Amino acid sequence: MEQHRFTKLLSPTDTSHRLTVPMANLGDFEFPTGQHTINIEATDTTEQQWIFRLSIRRNNNPNPRPVFTGQWIRFVKQKGLRAGDKIVFSRQQIEGDGVQYRIRAERKIFNYWVNVQ
């Protein structure tokens, strides 16, 4: 069963540099002890796989400010995303101990959110 992780309206910085992940969702991701970056593989609605690098500030900074980089900007460009669009990030358990992440982009058209392919 798919579990919703976060939804975010994209800001200009999210579409031009990196996606700032909501702090409340940092606990949804496991960082190995001493590590400040991990790779997250996510599949979009067209079944294309993307690798996002999730990183936090080092040295136990009280504001870790989690961000996605890696293929994030390529994802934004391929989908034609702009500020005001929305992403929905979720995960689901797969056989064994595996986890599969999903990402969906949406745009508001005439007061309805529709998937961006």
PDB file of N, CA and C in Angstrom:
ATOM      1  N   MET A   1       0.841  -1.189   0.000  1.00  0.00           N
ATOM      2  CA  MET A   1       0.000   0.000   0.000  1.00  0.00           C
ATOM      3  C   MET A   1       0.883   1.247   0.000  1.00  0.00           C
ATOM      4  N   GLU A   2       0.540   2.188  -0.843  1.00  0.00           N
ATOM      5  CA  GLU A   2       1.329   3.415  -0.955  1.00  0.00           C
ATOM      6  C   GLU A   2       1.063   4.329   0.239  1.00  0.00           C
ATOM      7  N   GLN A   3       2.151   4.864   0.801  1.00  0.00           N
ATOM      8  CA  GLN A   3       2.058   5.771   1.941  1.00  0.00           C
ATOM      9  C   GLN A   3       2.534   7.154   1.514  1.00  0.00           C
ATOM     10  N   HIS A   4       1.665   8.141   1.689  1.00  0.00           N
ATOM     11  CA  HIS A   4       2.003   9.516   1.348  1.00  0.00           C
ATOM     12  C   HIS A   4       3.124  10.006   2.262  1.00  0.00           C
ATOM     13  N   ARG A   5       4.142  10.651   1.717  1.00  0.00           N
ATOM     14  CA  ARG A   5       5.240  11.207   2.508  1.00  0.00           C
ATOM     15  C   ARG A   5       5.106  12.720   2.602  1.00  0.00           C
ATOM     16  N   PHE A   6       5.069  13.405   1.450  1.00  0.00           N
ATOM     17  CA  PHE A   6       4.864  14.849   1.488  1.00  0.00           C
ATOM     18  C   PHE A   6       4.353  15.356   0.163  1.00  0.00           C
ATOM     19  N   THR A   7       3.672  16.496   0.238  1.00  0.00           N
ATOM     20  CA  THR A   7       3.204  17.241  -0.922  1.00  0.00           C
ATOM     21  C   THR A   7       3.792  18.632  -0.789  1.00  0.00           C
ATOM     22  N   LYS A   8       4.248  19.195  -1.891  1.00  0.00           N
ATOM     23  CA  LYS A   8       4.856  20.518  -1.813  1.00  0.00           C
ATOM     24  C   LYS A   8       4.549  21.335  -3.063  1.00  0.00           C
ATOM     25  N   LEU A   9       4.102  22.584  -2.841  1.00  0.00           N
ATOM     26  CA  LEU A   9       3.993  23.535  -3.945  1.00  0.00           C
ATOM     27  C   LEU A   9       5.395  24.026  -4.241  1.00  0.00           C
ATOM     28  N   LEU A  10       5.762  24.032  -5.494  1.00  0.00           N
ATOM     29  CA  LEU A  10       7.124  24.384  -5.866  1.00  0.00           C
ATOM     30  C   LEU A  10       7.349  25.890  -5.855  1.00  0.00           C
ATOM     31  N   SER A  11       8.480  26.295  -5.291  1.00  0.00           N
ATOM     32  CA  SER A  11       8.905  27.700  -5.264  1.00  0.00           C
ATOM     33  C   SER A  11       9.839  27.942  -6.443  1.00  0.00           C
ATOM     34  N   PRO A  12      10.178  29.199  -6.739  1.00  0.00           N
ATOM     35  CA  PRO A  12      11.149  29.460  -7.801  1.00  0.00           C
ATOM     36  C   PRO A  12      12.489  28.758  -7.547  1.00  0.00           C
ATOM     37  N   THR A  13      12.952  28.713  -6.300  1.00  0.00           N
ATOM     38  CA  THR A  13      14.211  28.034  -5.986  1.00  0.00           C
ATOM     39  C   THR A  13      14.086  26.536  -6.230  1.00  0.00           C
ATOM     40  N   ASP A  14      12.928  25.958  -5.901  1.00  0.00           N
ATOM     41  CA  ASP A  14      12.707  24.526  -6.131  1.00  0.00           C
ATOM     42  C   ASP A  14      12.820  24.173  -7.610  1.00  0.00           C
ATOM     43  N   THR A  15      12.432  25.080  -8.489  1.00  0.00           N
ATOM     44  CA  THR A  15      12.454  24.765  -9.922  1.00  0.00           C
ATOM     45  C   THR A  15      13.737  25.200 -10.620  1.00  0.00           C
ATOM     46  N   SER A  16      14.601  25.946  -9.932  1.00  0.00           N
ATOM     47  CA  SER A  16      15.824  26.403 -10.585  1.00  0.00           C
ATOM     48  C   SER A  16      17.110  25.855  -9.966  1.00  0.00           C
ATOM     49  N   HIS A  17      17.061  25.402  -8.700  1.00  0.00           N
ATOM     50  CA  HIS A  17      18.296  24.957  -8.040  1.00  0.00           C
ATOM     51  C   HIS A  17      18.165  23.590  -7.368  1.00  0.00           C
ATOM     52  N   ARG A  18      17.245  23.468  -6.428  1.00  0.00           N
ATOM     53  CA  ARG A  18      17.105  22.254  -5.625  1.00  0.00           C
ATOM     54  C   ARG A  18      15.720  22.269  -4.984  1.00  0.00           C
ATOM     55  N   LEU A  19      15.241  21.087  -4.605  1.00  0.00           N
ATOM     56  CA  LEU A  19      13.960  20.986  -3.922  1.00  0.00           C
ATOM     57  C   LEU A  19      14.220  20.952  -2.422  1.00  0.00           C
ATOM     58  N   THR A  20      13.671  21.894  -1.709  1.00  0.00           N
ATOM     59  CA  THR A  20      13.750  21.873  -0.256  1.00  0.00           C
ATOM     60  C   THR A  20      12.662  20.941   0.263  1.00  0.00           C
ATOM     61  N   VAL A  21      13.083  19.905   0.972  1.00  0.00           N
ATOM     62  CA  VAL A  21      12.161  18.918   1.520  1.00  0.00           C
ATOM     63  C   VAL A  21      11.634  19.446   2.858  1.00  0.00           C
ATOM     64  N   PRO A  22      10.335  19.347   3.101  1.00  0.00           N
ATOM     65  CA  PRO A  22       9.803  19.826   4.382  1.00  0.00           C
ATOM     66  C   PRO A  22      10.506  19.141   5.569  1.00  0.00           C
ATOM     67  N   MET A  23      10.925  19.934   6.559  1.00  0.00           N
ATOM     68  CA  MET A  23      11.622  19.412   7.734  1.00  0.00           C
ATOM     69  C   MET A  23      10.818  18.325   8.428  1.00  0.00           C
ATOM     70  N   ALA A  24       9.514  18.456   8.457  1.00  0.00           N
ATOM     71  CA  ALA A  24       8.676  17.470   9.136  1.00  0.00           C
ATOM     72  C   ALA A  24       8.833  16.075   8.533  1.00  0.00           C
ATOM     73  N   ASN A  25       9.341  15.982   7.304  1.00  0.00           N
ATOM     74  CA  ASN A  25       9.469  14.705   6.629  1.00  0.00           C
ATOM     75  C   ASN A  25      10.876  14.139   6.645  1.00  0.00           C
ATOM     76  N   LEU A  26      11.798  14.818   7.274  1.00  0.00           N
ATOM     77  CA  LEU A  26      13.175  14.329   7.318  1.00  0.00           C
ATOM     78  C   LEU A  26      13.238  12.946   7.961  1.00  0.00           C
ATOM     79  N   GLY A  27      12.411  12.701   8.970  1.00  0.00           N
ATOM     80  CA  GLY A  27      12.400  11.408   9.648  1.00  0.00           C
ATOM     81  C   GLY A  27      11.928  10.255   8.783  1.00  0.00           C
ATOM     82  N   ASP A  28      11.363  10.541   7.613  1.00  0.00           N
ATOM     83  CA  ASP A  28      10.908   9.493   6.708  1.00  0.00           C
ATOM     84  C   ASP A  28      12.067   8.819   5.985  1.00  0.00           C
ATOM     85  N   PHE A  29      13.244   9.385   6.095  1.00  0.00           N
ATOM     86  CA  PHE A  29      14.425   8.876   5.399  1.00  0.00           C
ATOM     87  C   PHE A  29      15.494   8.505   6.416  1.00  0.00           C
ATOM     88  N   GLU A  30      16.172   7.391   6.164  1.00  0.00           N
ATOM     89  CA  GLU A  30      17.201   6.920   7.084  1.00  0.00           C
ATOM     90  C   GLU A  30      18.586   7.247   6.539  1.00  0.00           C
ATOM     91  N   PHE A  31      19.337   7.987   7.333  1.00  0.00           N
ATOM     92  CA  PHE A  31      20.721   8.298   7.000  1.00  0.00           C
ATOM     93  C   PHE A  31      21.624   7.371   7.805  1.00  0.00           C
ATOM     94  N   PRO A  32      22.569   6.681   7.160  1.00  0.00           N
ATOM     95  CA  PRO A  32      23.526   5.886   7.936  1.00  0.00           C
ATOM     96  C   PRO A  32      24.279   6.792   8.912  1.00  0.00           C
ATOM     97  N   THR A  33      24.660   6.258  10.029  1.00  0.00           N
ATOM     98  CA  THR A  33      25.370   7.021  11.049  1.00  0.00           C
ATOM     99  C   THR A  33      26.563   7.745  10.441  1.00  0.00           C
ATOM    100  N   GLY A  34      26.628   9.041  10.715  1.00  0.00           N
ATOM    101  CA  GLY A  34      27.739   9.856  10.228  1.00  0.00           C
ATOM    102  C   GLY A  34      27.593  10.356   8.804  1.00  0.00           C
ATOM    103  N   GLN A  35      26.561   9.945   8.101  1.00  0.00           N
ATOM    104  CA  GLN A  35      26.363  10.362   6.713  1.00  0.00           C
ATOM    105  C   GLN A  35      25.441  11.574   6.647  1.00  0.00           C
ATOM    106  N   HIS A  36      25.671  12.426   5.649  1.00  0.00           N
ATOM    107  CA  HIS A  36      24.787  13.582   5.461  1.00  0.00           C
ATOM    108  C   HIS A  36      24.118  13.578   4.094  1.00  0.00           C
ATOM    109  N   THR A  37      24.389  12.541   3.277  1.00  0.00           N
ATOM    110  CA  THR A  37      23.712  12.414   1.983  1.00  0.00           C
ATOM    111  C   THR A  37      23.314  10.956   1.752  1.00  0.00           C
ATOM    112  N   ILE A  38      22.194  10.784   1.070  1.00  0.00           N
ATOM    113  CA  ILE A  38      21.772   9.460   0.611  1.00  0.00           C
ATOM    114  C   ILE A  38      21.140   9.634  -0.762  1.00  0.00           C
ATOM    115  N   ASN A  39      21.156   8.577  -1.549  1.00  0.00           N
ATOM    116  CA  ASN A  39      20.479   8.599  -2.840  1.00  0.00           C
ATOM    117  C   ASN A  39      19.098   7.973  -2.685  1.00  0.00           C
ATOM    118  N   ILE A  40      18.108   8.643  -3.251  1.00  0.00           N
ATOM    119  CA  ILE A  40      16.726   8.177  -3.228  1.00  0.00           C
ATOM    120  C   ILE A  40      16.332   7.879  -4.675  1.00  0.00           C
ATOM    121  N   GLU A  41      15.960   6.647  -4.949  1.00  0.00           N
ATOM    122  CA  GLU A  41      15.467   6.293  -6.278  1.00  0.00           C
ATOM    123  C   GLU A  41      13.950   6.387  -6.252  1.00  0.00           C
ATOM    124  N   ALA A  42      13.406   7.169  -7.164  1.00  0.00           N
ATOM    125  CA  ALA A  42      11.955   7.357  -7.218  1.00  0.00           C
ATOM    126  C   ALA A  42      11.466   7.111  -8.642  1.00  0.00           C
ATOM    127  N   THR A  43      10.273   6.571  -8.751  1.00  0.00           N
ATOM    128  CA  THR A  43       9.662   6.289 -10.046  1.00  0.00           C
ATOM    129  C   THR A  43       8.514   7.262 -10.259  1.00  0.00           C
ATOM    130  N   ASP A  44       8.442   7.841 -11.468  1.00  0.00           N
ATOM    131  CA  ASP A  44       7.366   8.796 -11.748  1.00  0.00           C
ATOM    132  C   ASP A  44       6.158   8.075 -12.347  1.00  0.00           C
ATOM    133  N   THR A  45       5.158   8.828 -12.761  1.00  0.00           N
ATOM    134  CA  THR A  45       3.914   8.239 -13.269  1.00  0.00           C
ATOM    135  C   THR A  45       4.072   7.562 -14.628  1.00  0.00           C
ATOM    136  N   THR A  46       5.194   7.821 -15.315  1.00  0.00           N
ATOM    137  CA  THR A  46       5.459   7.149 -16.590  1.00  0.00           C
ATOM    138  C   THR A  46       6.403   5.964 -16.403  1.00  0.00           C
ATOM    139  N   GLU A  47       6.661   5.609 -15.131  1.00  0.00           N
ATOM    140  CA  GLU A  47       7.551   4.514 -14.741  1.00  0.00           C
ATOM    141  C   GLU A  47       9.024   4.800 -15.024  1.00  0.00           C
ATOM    142  N   GLN A  48       9.375   6.066 -15.236  1.00  0.00           N
ATOM    143  CA  GLN A  48      10.785   6.443 -15.378  1.00  0.00           C
ATOM    144  C   GLN A  48      11.398   6.574 -13.985  1.00  0.00           C
ATOM    145  N   GLN A  49      12.609   6.063 -13.847  1.00  0.00           N
ATOM    146  CA  GLN A  49      13.297   6.123 -12.568  1.00  0.00           C
ATOM    147  C   GLN A  49      14.196   7.354 -12.511  1.00  0.00           C
ATOM    148  N   TRP A  50      14.225   7.971 -11.332  1.00  0.00           N
ATOM    149  CA  TRP A  50      15.035   9.155 -11.082  1.00  0.00           C
ATOM    150  C   TRP A  50      15.849   8.920  -9.810  1.00  0.00           C
ATOM    151  N   ILE A  51      17.073   9.449  -9.798  1.00  0.00           N
ATOM    152  CA  ILE A  51      17.899   9.359  -8.594  1.00  0.00           C
ATOM    153  C   ILE A  51      18.086  10.767  -8.049  1.00  0.00           C
ATOM    154  N   PHE A  52      17.528  10.975  -6.871  1.00  0.00           N
ATOM    155  CA  PHE A  52      17.662  12.257  -6.191  1.00  0.00           C
ATOM    156  C   PHE A  52      18.634  12.083  -5.032  1.00  0.00           C
ATOM    157  N   ARG A  53      19.496  13.056  -4.849  1.00  0.00           N
ATOM    158  CA  ARG A  53      20.414  13.037  -3.720  1.00  0.00           C
ATOM    159  C   ARG A  53      19.787  13.869  -2.610  1.00  0.00           C
ATOM    160  N   LEU A  54      19.486  13.227  -1.501  1.00  0.00           N
ATOM    161  CA  LEU A  54      18.939  13.922  -0.340  1.00  0.00           C
ATOM    162  C   LEU A  54      20.102  14.230   0.588  1.00  0.00           C
ATOM    163  N   SER A  55      20.281  15.503   0.886  1.00  0.00           N
ATOM    164  CA  SER A  55      21.388  15.882   1.765  1.00  0.00           C
ATOM    165  C   SER A  55      20.894  16.824   2.855  1.00  0.00           C
ATOM    166  N   ILE A  56      21.627  16.785   3.957  1.00  0.00           N
ATOM    167  CA  ILE A  56      21.362  17.672   5.079  1.00  0.00           C
ATOM    168  C   ILE A  56      22.674  18.336   5.457  1.00  0.00           C
ATOM    169  N   ARG A  57      22.577  19.438   6.175  1.00  0.00           N
ATOM    170  CA  ARG A  57      23.781  20.129   6.626  1.00  0.00           C
ATOM    171  C   ARG A  57      24.552  19.247   7.593  1.00  0.00           C
ATOM    172  N   ARG A  58      25.842  19.433   7.600  1.00  0.00           N
ATOM    173  CA  ARG A  58      26.732  18.631   8.446  1.00  0.00           C
ATOM    174  C   ARG A  58      26.826  19.178   9.862  1.00  0.00           C
ATOM    175  N   ASN A  59      27.555  18.437  10.678  1.00  0.00           N
ATOM    176  CA  ASN A  59      27.955  18.847  12.033  1.00  0.00           C
ATOM    177  C   ASN A  59      26.783  19.113  12.959  1.00  0.00           C
ATOM    178  N   ASN A  60      25.760  18.261  12.900  1.00  0.00           N
ATOM    179  CA  ASN A  60      24.613  18.380  13.809  1.00  0.00           C
ATOM    180  C   ASN A  60      24.019  19.779  13.840  1.00  0.00           C
ATOM    181  N   ASN A  61      23.992  20.437  12.706  1.00  0.00           N
ATOM    182  CA  ASN A  61      23.394  21.764  12.597  1.00  0.00           C
ATOM    183  C   ASN A  61      21.955  21.689  13.099  1.00  0.00           C
ATOM    184  N   PRO A  62      21.521  22.628  13.952  1.00  0.00           N
ATOM    185  CA  PRO A  62      20.154  22.574  14.472  1.00  0.00           C
ATOM    186  C   PRO A  62      19.089  22.738  13.379  1.00  0.00           C
ATOM    187  N   ASN A  63      19.472  23.258  12.214  1.00  0.00           N
ATOM    188  CA  ASN A  63      18.558  23.382  11.083  1.00  0.00           C
ATOM    189  C   ASN A  63      19.152  22.590   9.920  1.00  0.00           C
ATOM    190  N   PRO A  64      18.887  21.266   9.853  1.00  0.00           N
ATOM    191  CA  PRO A  64      19.543  20.444   8.837  1.00  0.00           C
ATOM    192  C   PRO A  64      19.169  20.771   7.396  1.00  0.00           C
ATOM    193  N   ARG A  65      18.030  21.432   7.164  1.00  0.00           N
ATOM    194  CA  ARG A  65      17.590  21.877   5.836  1.00  0.00           C
ATOM    195  C   ARG A  65      17.770  20.807   4.750  1.00  0.00           C
ATOM    196  N   PRO A  66      16.928  19.776   4.759  1.00  0.00           N
ATOM    197  CA  PRO A  66      17.050  18.713   3.764  1.00  0.00           C
ATOM    198  C   PRO A  66      16.684  19.205   2.360  1.00  0.00           C
ATOM    199  N   VAL A  67      17.488  18.787   1.373  1.00  0.00           N
ATOM    200  CA  VAL A  67      17.247  19.182  -0.019  1.00  0.00           C
ATOM    201  C   VAL A  67      17.495  17.999  -0.956  1.00  0.00           C
ATOM    202  N   PHE A  68      16.746  17.994  -2.078  1.00  0.00           N
ATOM    203  CA  PHE A  68      16.978  17.067  -3.178  1.00  0.00           C
ATOM    204  C   PHE A  68      17.817  17.775  -4.225  1.00  0.00           C
ATOM    205  N   THR A  69      18.880  17.121  -4.653  1.00  0.00           N
ATOM    206  CA  THR A  69      19.651  17.567  -5.814  1.00  0.00           C
ATOM    207  C   THR A  69      19.758  16.353  -6.739  1.00  0.00           C
ATOM    208  N   GLY A  70      20.919  16.075  -7.281  1.00  0.00           N
ATOM    209  CA  GLY A  70      21.054  14.935  -8.193  1.00  0.00           C
ATOM    210  C   GLY A  70      20.279  15.210  -9.464  1.00  0.00           C
ATOM    211  N   GLN A  71      19.362  14.335  -9.816  1.00  0.00           N
ATOM    212  CA  GLN A  71      18.597  14.485 -11.060  1.00  0.00           C
ATOM    213  C   GLN A  71      17.368  15.377 -10.884  1.00  0.00           C
ATOM    214  N   TRP A  72      17.274  16.095  -9.787  1.00  0.00           N
ATOM    215  CA  TRP A  72      16.094  16.929  -9.531  1.00  0.00           C
ATOM    216  C   TRP A  72      15.842  17.942 -10.652  1.00  0.00           C
ATOM    217  N   ILE A  73      16.841  18.726 -11.033  1.00  0.00           N
ATOM    218  CA  ILE A  73      16.634  19.760 -12.057  1.00  0.00           C
ATOM    219  C   ILE A  73      16.317  19.118 -13.410  1.00  0.00           C
ATOM    220  N   ARG A  74      16.909  17.985 -13.697  1.00  0.00           N
ATOM    221  CA  ARG A  74      16.571  17.276 -14.932  1.00  0.00           C
ATOM    222  C   ARG A  74      15.093  16.857 -14.914  1.00  0.00           C
ATOM    223  N   PHE A  75      14.606  16.393 -13.762  1.00  0.00           N
ATOM    224  CA  PHE A  75      13.194  16.038 -13.592  1.00  0.00           C
ATOM    225  C   PHE A  75      12.313  17.263 -13.848  1.00  0.00           C
ATOM    226  N   VAL A  76      12.673  18.396 -13.244  1.00  0.00           N
ATOM    227  CA  VAL A  76      11.920  19.645 -13.410  1.00  0.00           C
ATOM    228  C   VAL A  76      11.846  20.028 -14.887  1.00  0.00           C
ATOM    229  N   LYS A  77      12.987  19.985 -15.568  1.00  0.00           N
ATOM    230  CA  LYS A  77      13.023  20.383 -16.986  1.00  0.00           C
ATOM    231  C   LYS A  77      12.243  19.418 -17.866  1.00  0.00           C
ATOM    232  N   GLN A  78      12.396  18.122 -17.630  1.00  0.00           N
ATOM    233  CA  GLN A  78      11.690  17.151 -18.464  1.00  0.00           C
ATOM    234  C   GLN A  78      10.176  17.270 -18.306  1.00  0.00           C
ATOM    235  N   LYS A  79       9.727  17.572 -17.098  1.00  0.00           N
ATOM    236  CA  LYS A  79       8.290  17.707 -16.844  1.00  0.00           C
ATOM    237  C   LYS A  79       7.775  19.107 -17.160  1.00  0.00           C
ATOM    238  N   GLY A  80       8.689  20.054 -17.402  1.00  0.00           N
ATOM    239  CA  GLY A  80       8.273  21.429 -17.674  1.00  0.00           C
ATOM    240  C   GLY A  80       7.672  22.103 -16.455  1.00  0.00           C
ATOM    241  N   LEU A  81       8.169  21.762 -15.273  1.00  0.00           N
ATOM    242  CA  LEU A  81       7.591  22.300 -14.037  1.00  0.00           C
ATOM    243  C   LEU A  81       7.968  23.750 -13.825  1.00  0.00           C
ATOM    244  N   ARG A  82       7.102  24.447 -13.106  1.00  0.00           N
ATOM    245  CA  ARG A  82       7.334  25.854 -12.787  1.00  0.00           C
ATOM    246  C   ARG A  82       6.812  26.127 -11.378  1.00  0.00           C
ATOM    247  N   ALA A  83       7.196  27.270 -10.844  1.00  0.00           N
ATOM    248  CA  ALA A  83       6.733  27.655  -9.509  1.00  0.00           C
ATOM    249  C   ALA A  83       5.208  27.613  -9.483  1.00  0.00           C
ATOM    250  N   GLY A  84       4.652  27.071  -8.407  1.00  0.00           N
ATOM    251  CA  GLY A  84       3.208  26.935  -8.281  1.00  0.00           C
ATOM    252  C   GLY A  84       2.705  25.545  -8.608  1.00  0.00           C
ATOM    253  N   ASP A  85       3.508  24.757  -9.361  1.00  0.00           N
ATOM    254  CA  ASP A  85       3.151  23.364  -9.584  1.00  0.00           C
ATOM    255  C   ASP A  85       3.368  22.613  -8.272  1.00  0.00           C
ATOM    256  N   LYS A  86       2.974  21.367  -8.244  1.00  0.00           N
ATOM    257  CA  LYS A  86       3.023  20.599  -7.001  1.00  0.00           C
ATOM    258  C   LYS A  86       3.666  19.250  -7.258  1.00  0.00           C
ATOM    259  N   ILE A  87       4.397  18.751  -6.267  1.00  0.00           N
ATOM    260  CA  ILE A  87       4.863  17.371  -6.326  1.00  0.00           C
ATOM    261  C   ILE A  87       4.265  16.613  -5.148  1.00  0.00           C
ATOM    262  N   VAL A  88       4.034  15.336  -5.384  1.00  0.00           N
ATOM    263  CA  VAL A  88       3.544  14.425  -4.359  1.00  0.00           C
ATOM    264  C   VAL A  88       4.560  13.299  -4.277  1.00  0.00           C
ATOM    265  N   PHE A  89       5.119  13.092  -3.098  1.00  0.00           N
ATOM    266  CA  PHE A  89       6.146  12.080  -2.893  1.00  0.00           C
ATOM    267  C   PHE A  89       5.595  11.028  -1.942  1.00  0.00           C
ATOM    268  N   SER A  90       5.715   9.760  -2.321  1.00  0.00           N
ATOM    269  CA  SER A  90       5.182   8.677  -1.496  1.00  0.00           C
ATOM    270  C   SER A  90       6.119   7.475  -1.551  1.00  0.00           C
ATOM    271  N   ARG A  91       5.795   6.481  -0.736  1.00  0.00           N
ATOM    272  CA  ARG A  91       6.588   5.252  -0.768  1.00  0.00           C
ATOM    273  C   ARG A  91       5.673   4.079  -0.484  1.00  0.00           C
ATOM    274  N   GLN A  92       6.151   2.903  -0.878  1.00  0.00           N
ATOM    275  CA  GLN A  92       5.409   1.698  -0.557  1.00  0.00           C
ATOM    276  C   GLN A  92       6.386   0.575  -0.272  1.00  0.00           C
ATOM    277  N   GLN A  93       5.972  -0.308   0.630  1.00  0.00           N
ATOM    278  CA  GLN A  93       6.783  -1.480   0.954  1.00  0.00           C
ATOM    279  C   GLN A  93       6.688  -2.455  -0.208  1.00  0.00           C
ATOM    280  N   ILE A  94       7.808  -3.075  -0.542  1.00  0.00           N
ATOM    281  CA  ILE A  94       7.801  -4.133  -1.546  1.00  0.00           C
ATOM    282  C   ILE A  94       8.314  -5.401  -0.876  1.00  0.00           C
ATOM    283  N   GLU A  95       8.267  -6.500  -1.573  1.00  0.00           N
ATOM    284  CA  GLU A  95       8.633  -7.785  -0.979  1.00  0.00           C
ATOM    285  C   GLU A  95       9.925  -7.695  -0.192  1.00  0.00           C
ATOM    286  N   GLY A  96       9.957  -8.399   0.919  1.00  0.00           N
ATOM    287  CA  GLY A  96      11.123  -8.353   1.793  1.00  0.00           C
ATOM    288  C   GLY A  96      11.150  -7.041   2.559  1.00  0.00           C
ATOM    289  N   ASP A  97      12.321  -6.470   2.712  1.00  0.00           N
ATOM    290  CA  ASP A  97      12.474  -5.211   3.439  1.00  0.00           C
ATOM    291  C   ASP A  97      12.551  -4.013   2.503  1.00  0.00           C
ATOM    292  N   GLY A  98      12.243  -4.199   1.240  1.00  0.00           N
ATOM    293  CA  GLY A  98      12.409  -3.135   0.264  1.00  0.00           C
ATOM    294  C   GLY A  98      11.371  -2.031   0.356  1.00  0.00           C
ATOM    295  N   VAL A  99      11.776  -0.863  -0.124  1.00  0.00           N
ATOM    296  CA  VAL A  99      10.904   0.305  -0.181  1.00  0.00           C
ATOM    297  C   VAL A  99      11.017   0.886  -1.576  1.00  0.00           C
ATOM    298  N   GLN A 100       9.889   1.244  -2.160  1.00  0.00           N
ATOM    299  CA  GLN A 100       9.889   1.895  -3.464  1.00  0.00           C
ATOM    300  C   GLN A 100       9.293   3.286  -3.297  1.00  0.00           C
ATOM    301  N   TYR A 101      10.011   4.292  -3.786  1.00  0.00           N
ATOM    302  CA  TYR A 101       9.528   5.670  -3.726  1.00  0.00           C
ATOM    303  C   TYR A 101       8.871   6.033  -5.043  1.00  0.00           C
ATOM    304  N   ARG A 102       7.836   6.866  -4.960  1.00  0.00           N
ATOM    305  CA  ARG A 102       7.113   7.351  -6.138  1.00  0.00           C
ATOM    306  C   ARG A 102       7.071   8.869  -6.073  1.00  0.00           C
ATOM    307  N   ILE A 103       7.137   9.503  -7.246  1.00  0.00           N
ATOM    308  CA  ILE A 103       7.009  10.953  -7.321  1.00  0.00           C
ATOM    309  C   ILE A 103       6.027  11.288  -8.434  1.00  0.00           C
ATOM    310  N   ARG A 104       5.138  12.218  -8.128  1.00  0.00           N
ATOM    311  CA  ARG A 104       4.123  12.656  -9.096  1.00  0.00           C
ATOM    312  C   ARG A 104       4.140  14.172  -9.144  1.00  0.00           C
ATOM    313  N   ALA A 105       4.141  14.711 -10.347  1.00  0.00           N
ATOM    314  CA  ALA A 105       4.068  16.161 -10.540  1.00  0.00           C
ATOM    315  C   ALA A 105       2.654  16.511 -10.973  1.00  0.00           C
ATOM    316  N   GLU A 106       2.148  17.639 -10.447  1.00  0.00           N
ATOM    317  CA  GLU A 106       0.794  18.077 -10.779  1.00  0.00           C
ATOM    318  C   GLU A 106       0.781  19.576 -11.076  1.00  0.00           C
ATOM    319  N   ARG A 107      -0.171  19.957 -11.903  1.00  0.00           N
ATOM    320  CA  ARG A 107      -0.367  21.373 -12.240  1.00  0.00           C
ATOM    321  C   ARG A 107      -1.848  21.688 -12.095  1.00  0.00           C
ATOM    322  N   LYS A 108      -2.122  22.861 -11.585  1.00  0.00           N
ATOM    323  CA  LYS A 108      -3.514  23.276 -11.403  1.00  0.00           C
ATOM    324  C   LYS A 108      -4.028  23.891 -12.701  1.00  0.00           C
ATOM    325  N   ILE A 109      -5.100  23.289 -13.226  1.00  0.00           N
ATOM    326  CA  ILE A 109      -5.737  23.779 -14.445  1.00  0.00           C
ATOM    327  C   ILE A 109      -7.227  23.911 -14.157  1.00  0.00           C
ATOM    328  N   PHE A 110      -7.735  25.135 -14.258  1.00  0.00           N
ATOM    329  CA  PHE A 110      -9.152  25.406 -13.982  1.00  0.00           C
ATOM    330  C   PHE A 110      -9.574  24.828 -12.626  1.00  0.00           C
ATOM    331  N   ASN A 111      -8.798  25.107 -11.600  1.00  0.00           N
ATOM    332  CA  ASN A 111      -9.073  24.693 -10.221  1.00  0.00           C
ATOM    333  C   ASN A 111      -9.004  23.192  -9.971  1.00  0.00           C
ATOM    334  N   TYR A 112      -8.422  22.416 -10.893  1.00  0.00           N
ATOM    335  CA  TYR A 112      -8.238  20.979 -10.701  1.00  0.00           C
ATOM    336  C   TYR A 112      -6.758  20.655 -10.849  1.00  0.00           C
ATOM    337  N   TRP A 113      -6.249  19.810  -9.955  1.00  0.00           N
ATOM    338  CA  TRP A 113      -4.864  19.362 -10.059  1.00  0.00           C
ATOM    339  C   TRP A 113      -4.815  18.168 -11.005  1.00  0.00           C
ATOM    340  N   VAL A 114      -3.987  18.262 -12.047  1.00  0.00           N
ATOM    341  CA  VAL A 114      -3.834  17.185 -13.012  1.00  0.00           C
ATOM    342  C   VAL A 114      -2.382  16.738 -13.077  1.00  0.00           C
ATOM    343  N   ASN A 115      -2.183  15.457 -13.378  1.00  0.00           N
ATOM    344  CA  ASN A 115      -0.820  14.932 -13.468  1.00  0.00           C
ATOM    345  C   ASN A 115      -0.077  15.555 -14.633  1.00  0.00           C
ATOM    346  N   VAL A 116       1.196  15.829 -14.409  1.00  0.00           N
ATOM    347  CA  VAL A 116       2.109  16.269 -15.471  1.00  0.00           C
ATOM    348  C   VAL A 116       2.906  15.052 -15.884  1.00  0.00           C
ATOM    349  N   GLN A 117       2.819  14.696 -17.121  1.00  0.00           N
ATOM    350  CA  GLN A 117       3.517  13.497 -17.599  1.00  0.00           C
ATOM    351  C   GLN A 117       4.928  13.862 -17.974  1.00  0.00           C
TER     352      GLN A 117
END
